[in-house]
Amino acid sequence: MSKYSLCGKFKTKAGKRDEMIDILTEAADGMADVKGCHLYIVHKDARDENTIWVYELWDTKEDHDASLKLPGTPEMIAKAMPLMDGMPEGNHLEAVAGKGY
């Protein structure tokens, strides 16, 4: 059975990457006991000082969507939006095999 996976790209305004990383790290810390979440990793882009990548692995898209409604999540998103240079981008993927799957 496949799992739902996301590879998200967040472009921040100049000088705001570390502040955004703090918010995303808080989100990652909150994923420890969230139903269906197997992976939530925040990455700095090695070539672009204003870009952050987040890799996520979920049992289902529904589990991911439910996580966006957890207490505190809408407030965290509202805090992050002014730091971003445009809307987040990403790929919705279907994980099928591999280490950590």
N, C-alpha and C. Protein backbone atom coordinates (compact mmCIF):
# COMPACT_ATOMS: atom_id res chain seq x y z
N MET A 1 0.84 -1.18 0.00
CA MET A 1 0.00 0.00 0.00
C MET A 1 0.88 1.24 0.00
N SER A 2 0.54 2.22 -0.79
CA SER A 2 1.34 3.45 -0.88
C SER A 2 0.97 4.41 0.24
N LYS A 3 1.84 5.39 0.45
CA LYS A 3 1.63 6.44 1.44
C LYS A 3 1.63 7.78 0.73
N TYR A 4 1.02 8.77 1.35
CA TYR A 4 0.96 10.13 0.82
C TYR A 4 2.22 10.87 1.24
N SER A 5 2.85 11.54 0.29
CA SER A 5 4.10 12.24 0.55
C SER A 5 4.05 13.64 -0.05
N LEU A 6 4.71 14.55 0.62
CA LEU A 6 4.82 15.93 0.13
C LEU A 6 6.27 16.36 0.17
N CYS A 7 6.65 17.12 -0.83
CA CYS A 7 7.94 17.79 -0.86
C CYS A 7 7.61 19.27 -1.06
N GLY A 8 7.64 20.04 0.01
CA GLY A 8 7.22 21.43 -0.03
C GLY A 8 8.39 22.39 -0.09
N LYS A 9 8.21 23.46 -0.84
CA LYS A 9 9.24 24.49 -0.99
C LYS A 9 8.67 25.82 -0.49
N PHE A 10 9.39 26.41 0.46
CA PHE A 10 9.00 27.70 1.02
C PHE A 10 10.07 28.72 0.69
N LYS A 11 9.72 29.73 -0.04
CA LYS A 11 10.64 30.82 -0.38
C LYS A 11 10.32 31.95 0.60
N THR A 12 11.33 32.41 1.35
CA THR A 12 11.10 33.47 2.33
C THR A 12 11.61 34.81 1.81
N LYS A 13 11.13 35.84 2.42
CA LYS A 13 11.66 37.17 2.14
C LYS A 13 13.10 37.21 2.65
N ALA A 14 13.91 38.08 2.08
CA ALA A 14 15.33 38.18 2.47
C ALA A 14 15.47 38.35 3.97
N GLY A 15 16.33 37.56 4.56
CA GLY A 15 16.62 37.65 5.99
C GLY A 15 15.59 37.00 6.89
N LYS A 16 14.58 36.33 6.34
CA LYS A 16 13.51 35.75 7.16
C LYS A 16 13.56 34.22 7.25
N ARG A 17 14.58 33.61 6.60
CA ARG A 17 14.63 32.15 6.58
C ARG A 17 14.72 31.55 7.98
N ASP A 18 15.59 32.06 8.83
CA ASP A 18 15.75 31.47 10.16
C ASP A 18 14.48 31.59 11.00
N GLU A 19 13.78 32.70 10.84
CA GLU A 19 12.51 32.88 11.55
C GLU A 19 11.48 31.84 11.06
N MET A 20 11.46 31.61 9.75
CA MET A 20 10.55 30.60 9.19
C MET A 20 10.96 29.20 9.64
N ILE A 21 12.25 28.94 9.71
CA ILE A 21 12.72 27.63 10.19
C ILE A 21 12.26 27.40 11.62
N ASP A 22 12.29 28.44 12.44
CA ASP A 22 11.81 28.30 13.82
C ASP A 22 10.34 27.87 13.85
N ILE A 23 9.53 28.47 13.00
CA ILE A 23 8.10 28.12 12.94
C ILE A 23 7.92 26.68 12.45
N LEU A 24 8.64 26.32 11.39
CA LEU A 24 8.53 24.96 10.85
C LEU A 24 9.10 23.91 11.80
N THR A 25 10.11 24.28 12.57
CA THR A 25 10.65 23.37 13.58
C THR A 25 9.62 23.13 14.68
N GLU A 26 8.92 24.17 15.07
CA GLU A 26 7.83 24.02 16.04
C GLU A 26 6.76 23.07 15.48
N ALA A 27 6.44 23.23 14.20
CA ALA A 27 5.48 22.34 13.56
C ALA A 27 6.00 20.90 13.58
N ALA A 28 7.28 20.72 13.25
CA ALA A 28 7.87 19.39 13.23
C ALA A 28 7.83 18.75 14.61
N ASP A 29 8.14 19.53 15.64
CA ASP A 29 8.10 19.01 17.01
C ASP A 29 6.69 18.55 17.39
N GLY A 30 5.69 19.24 16.86
CA GLY A 30 4.31 18.90 17.15
C GLY A 30 3.80 17.67 16.42
N MET A 31 4.57 17.15 15.47
CA MET A 31 4.14 16.00 14.68
C MET A 31 4.41 14.66 15.35
N ALA A 32 5.09 14.66 16.48
CA ALA A 32 5.50 13.41 17.13
C ALA A 32 4.34 12.44 17.35
N ASP A 33 3.19 12.93 17.74
CA ASP A 33 2.06 12.05 18.05
C ASP A 33 0.87 12.23 17.12
N VAL A 34 1.08 12.89 16.00
CA VAL A 34 -0.02 13.14 15.08
C VAL A 34 -0.31 11.87 14.27
N LYS A 35 -1.57 11.51 14.23
CA LYS A 35 -2.01 10.30 13.53
C LYS A 35 -1.58 10.32 12.06
N GLY A 36 -0.91 9.26 11.66
CA GLY A 36 -0.57 9.07 10.26
C GLY A 36 0.71 9.72 9.79
N CYS A 37 1.38 10.51 10.64
CA CYS A 37 2.60 11.21 10.23
C CYS A 37 3.82 10.34 10.54
N HIS A 38 4.57 10.02 9.51
CA HIS A 38 5.79 9.21 9.68
C HIS A 38 7.05 10.05 9.54
N LEU A 39 6.96 11.16 8.83
CA LEU A 39 8.15 11.95 8.53
C LEU A 39 7.75 13.40 8.35
N TYR A 40 8.50 14.30 8.97
CA TYR A 40 8.32 15.74 8.77
C TYR A 40 9.69 16.36 9.04
N ILE A 41 10.42 16.60 7.96
CA ILE A 41 11.80 17.09 8.10
C ILE A 41 11.94 18.43 7.41
N VAL A 42 12.54 19.38 8.13
CA VAL A 42 12.77 20.74 7.63
C VAL A 42 14.21 20.83 7.16
N HIS A 43 14.41 21.36 5.94
CA HIS A 43 15.74 21.45 5.34
C HIS A 43 16.03 22.89 4.92
N LYS A 44 17.25 23.35 5.15
CA LYS A 44 17.74 24.59 4.54
C LYS A 44 18.23 24.24 3.14
N ASP A 45 17.93 25.08 2.17
CA ASP A 45 18.47 24.89 0.83
C ASP A 45 19.95 25.27 0.87
N ALA A 46 20.81 24.39 0.38
CA ALA A 46 22.26 24.62 0.43
C ALA A 46 22.72 25.69 -0.55
N ARG A 47 21.89 26.02 -1.53
CA ARG A 47 22.30 26.99 -2.56
C ARG A 47 21.53 28.30 -2.52
N ASP A 48 20.45 28.36 -1.77
CA ASP A 48 19.61 29.56 -1.75
C ASP A 48 19.28 29.90 -0.31
N GLU A 49 19.79 31.02 0.16
CA GLU A 49 19.63 31.40 1.56
C GLU A 49 18.21 31.80 1.94
N ASN A 50 17.30 31.83 0.98
CA ASN A 50 15.92 32.20 1.27
C ASN A 50 14.94 31.05 1.02
N THR A 51 15.46 29.84 0.83
CA THR A 51 14.58 28.71 0.52
C THR A 51 14.69 27.62 1.58
N ILE A 52 13.53 27.06 1.92
CA ILE A 52 13.40 25.96 2.88
C ILE A 52 12.59 24.86 2.19
N TRP A 53 12.96 23.63 2.43
CA TRP A 53 12.22 22.47 1.93
C TRP A 53 11.69 21.69 3.13
N VAL A 54 10.49 21.17 3.00
CA VAL A 54 9.92 20.29 4.03
C VAL A 54 9.48 19.01 3.35
N TYR A 55 10.00 17.88 3.85
CA TYR A 55 9.60 16.56 3.35
C TYR A 55 8.67 15.93 4.38
N GLU A 56 7.53 15.43 3.89
CA GLU A 56 6.53 14.82 4.77
C GLU A 56 6.12 13.46 4.21
N LEU A 57 5.85 12.52 5.11
CA LEU A 57 5.33 11.21 4.73
C LEU A 57 4.17 10.87 5.66
N TRP A 58 3.03 10.57 5.04
CA TRP A 58 1.78 10.32 5.77
C TRP A 58 1.16 9.01 5.31
N ASP A 59 0.35 8.42 6.18
CA ASP A 59 -0.42 7.25 5.76
C ASP A 59 -1.36 7.62 4.62
N THR A 60 -2.06 8.75 4.78
CA THR A 60 -3.05 9.17 3.77
C THR A 60 -3.07 10.69 3.65
N LYS A 61 -3.61 11.17 2.55
CA LYS A 61 -3.80 12.61 2.36
C LYS A 61 -4.77 13.14 3.41
N GLU A 62 -5.75 12.34 3.78
CA GLU A 62 -6.72 12.75 4.79
C GLU A 62 -6.05 13.00 6.14
N ASP A 63 -5.06 12.17 6.50
CA ASP A 63 -4.31 12.40 7.75
C ASP A 63 -3.57 13.73 7.67
N HIS A 64 -2.94 14.00 6.53
CA HIS A 64 -2.25 15.28 6.36
C HIS A 64 -3.23 16.44 6.48
N ASP A 65 -4.34 16.37 5.76
CA ASP A 65 -5.32 17.45 5.77
C ASP A 65 -5.87 17.69 7.17
N ALA A 66 -6.09 16.62 7.94
CA ALA A 66 -6.57 16.75 9.31
C ALA A 66 -5.54 17.47 10.19
N SER A 67 -4.26 17.27 9.91
CA SER A 67 -3.22 17.91 10.72
C SER A 67 -3.25 19.43 10.59
N LEU A 68 -3.75 19.92 9.47
CA LEU A 68 -3.82 21.37 9.26
C LEU A 68 -4.91 22.03 10.10
N LYS A 69 -5.76 21.21 10.71
CA LYS A 69 -6.85 21.72 11.53
C LYS A 69 -6.61 21.52 13.02
N LEU A 70 -5.45 20.98 13.38
CA LEU A 70 -5.13 20.76 14.79
C LEU A 70 -5.02 22.09 15.52
N PRO A 71 -5.30 22.10 16.83
CA PRO A 71 -5.18 23.34 17.59
C PRO A 71 -3.78 23.96 17.44
N GLY A 72 -3.75 25.23 17.16
CA GLY A 72 -2.50 25.97 17.02
C GLY A 72 -1.97 26.03 15.60
N THR A 73 -2.38 25.11 14.74
CA THR A 73 -1.85 25.08 13.38
C THR A 73 -2.27 26.29 12.56
N PRO A 74 -3.56 26.67 12.55
CA PRO A 74 -3.93 27.87 11.78
C PRO A 74 -3.18 29.13 12.25
N GLU A 75 -2.93 29.24 13.53
CA GLU A 75 -2.19 30.38 14.07
C GLU A 75 -0.73 30.35 13.61
N MET A 76 -0.15 29.16 13.56
CA MET A 76 1.23 29.01 13.11
C MET A 76 1.34 29.40 11.63
N ILE A 77 0.36 28.98 10.84
CA ILE A 77 0.35 29.32 9.42
C ILE A 77 0.22 30.84 9.25
N ALA A 78 -0.65 31.46 10.03
CA ALA A 78 -0.83 32.91 9.95
C ALA A 78 0.45 33.65 10.32
N LYS A 79 1.20 33.11 11.26
CA LYS A 79 2.48 33.71 11.66
C LYS A 79 3.53 33.58 10.56
N ALA A 80 3.47 32.49 9.80
CA ALA A 80 4.46 32.23 8.76
C ALA A 80 4.20 33.01 7.47
N MET A 81 2.96 33.24 7.15
CA MET A 81 2.61 33.85 5.86
C MET A 81 3.33 35.17 5.58
N PRO A 82 3.44 36.11 6.53
CA PRO A 82 4.13 37.37 6.23
C PRO A 82 5.63 37.22 5.96
N LEU A 83 6.21 36.08 6.32
CA LEU A 83 7.64 35.83 6.11
C LEU A 83 7.93 35.31 4.71
N MET A 84 6.89 34.87 4.01
CA MET A 84 7.08 34.19 2.74
C MET A 84 7.07 35.16 1.56
N ASP A 85 7.86 34.80 0.57
CA ASP A 85 7.91 35.53 -0.70
C ASP A 85 7.12 34.72 -1.72
N GLY A 86 5.80 34.88 -1.70
CA GLY A 86 4.92 34.08 -2.55
C GLY A 86 4.35 32.90 -1.79
N MET A 87 3.53 32.15 -2.48
CA MET A 87 2.88 30.99 -1.87
C MET A 87 3.83 29.79 -1.88
N PRO A 88 3.66 28.87 -0.92
CA PRO A 88 4.47 27.66 -0.93
C PRO A 88 4.23 26.87 -2.22
N GLU A 89 5.26 26.18 -2.64
CA GLU A 89 5.16 25.30 -3.80
C GLU A 89 5.42 23.88 -3.31
N GLY A 90 5.12 22.93 -4.14
CA GLY A 90 5.46 21.58 -3.75
C GLY A 90 4.91 20.54 -4.68
N ASN A 91 5.33 19.33 -4.41
CA ASN A 91 4.88 18.18 -5.16
C ASN A 91 4.16 17.22 -4.22
N HIS A 92 3.03 16.75 -4.66
CA HIS A 92 2.29 15.72 -3.96
C HIS A 92 2.70 14.41 -4.59
N LEU A 93 3.21 13.50 -3.77
CA LEU A 93 3.78 12.26 -4.29
C LEU A 93 3.11 11.06 -3.66
N GLU A 94 3.32 9.91 -4.27
CA GLU A 94 2.84 8.65 -3.74
C GLU A 94 4.05 7.78 -3.44
N ALA A 95 4.39 7.66 -2.17
CA ALA A 95 5.55 6.84 -1.78
C ALA A 95 5.17 5.38 -1.87
N VAL A 96 6.06 4.57 -2.44
CA VAL A 96 5.76 3.15 -2.64
C VAL A 96 6.77 2.19 -2.02
N ALA A 97 8.01 2.65 -1.74
CA ALA A 97 8.99 1.74 -1.18
C ALA A 97 10.21 2.54 -0.73
N GLY A 98 11.07 1.92 0.09
CA GLY A 98 12.34 2.51 0.47
C GLY A 98 12.56 2.50 1.96
N LYS A 99 13.78 2.80 2.36
CA LYS A 99 14.15 2.87 3.76
C LYS A 99 13.35 3.98 4.44
N GLY A 100 12.78 3.71 5.57
CA GLY A 100 11.97 4.70 6.26
C GLY A 100 10.51 4.65 5.87
N TYR A 101 10.19 3.86 4.87
CA TYR A 101 8.83 3.73 4.41
C TYR A 101 8.08 2.89 5.40
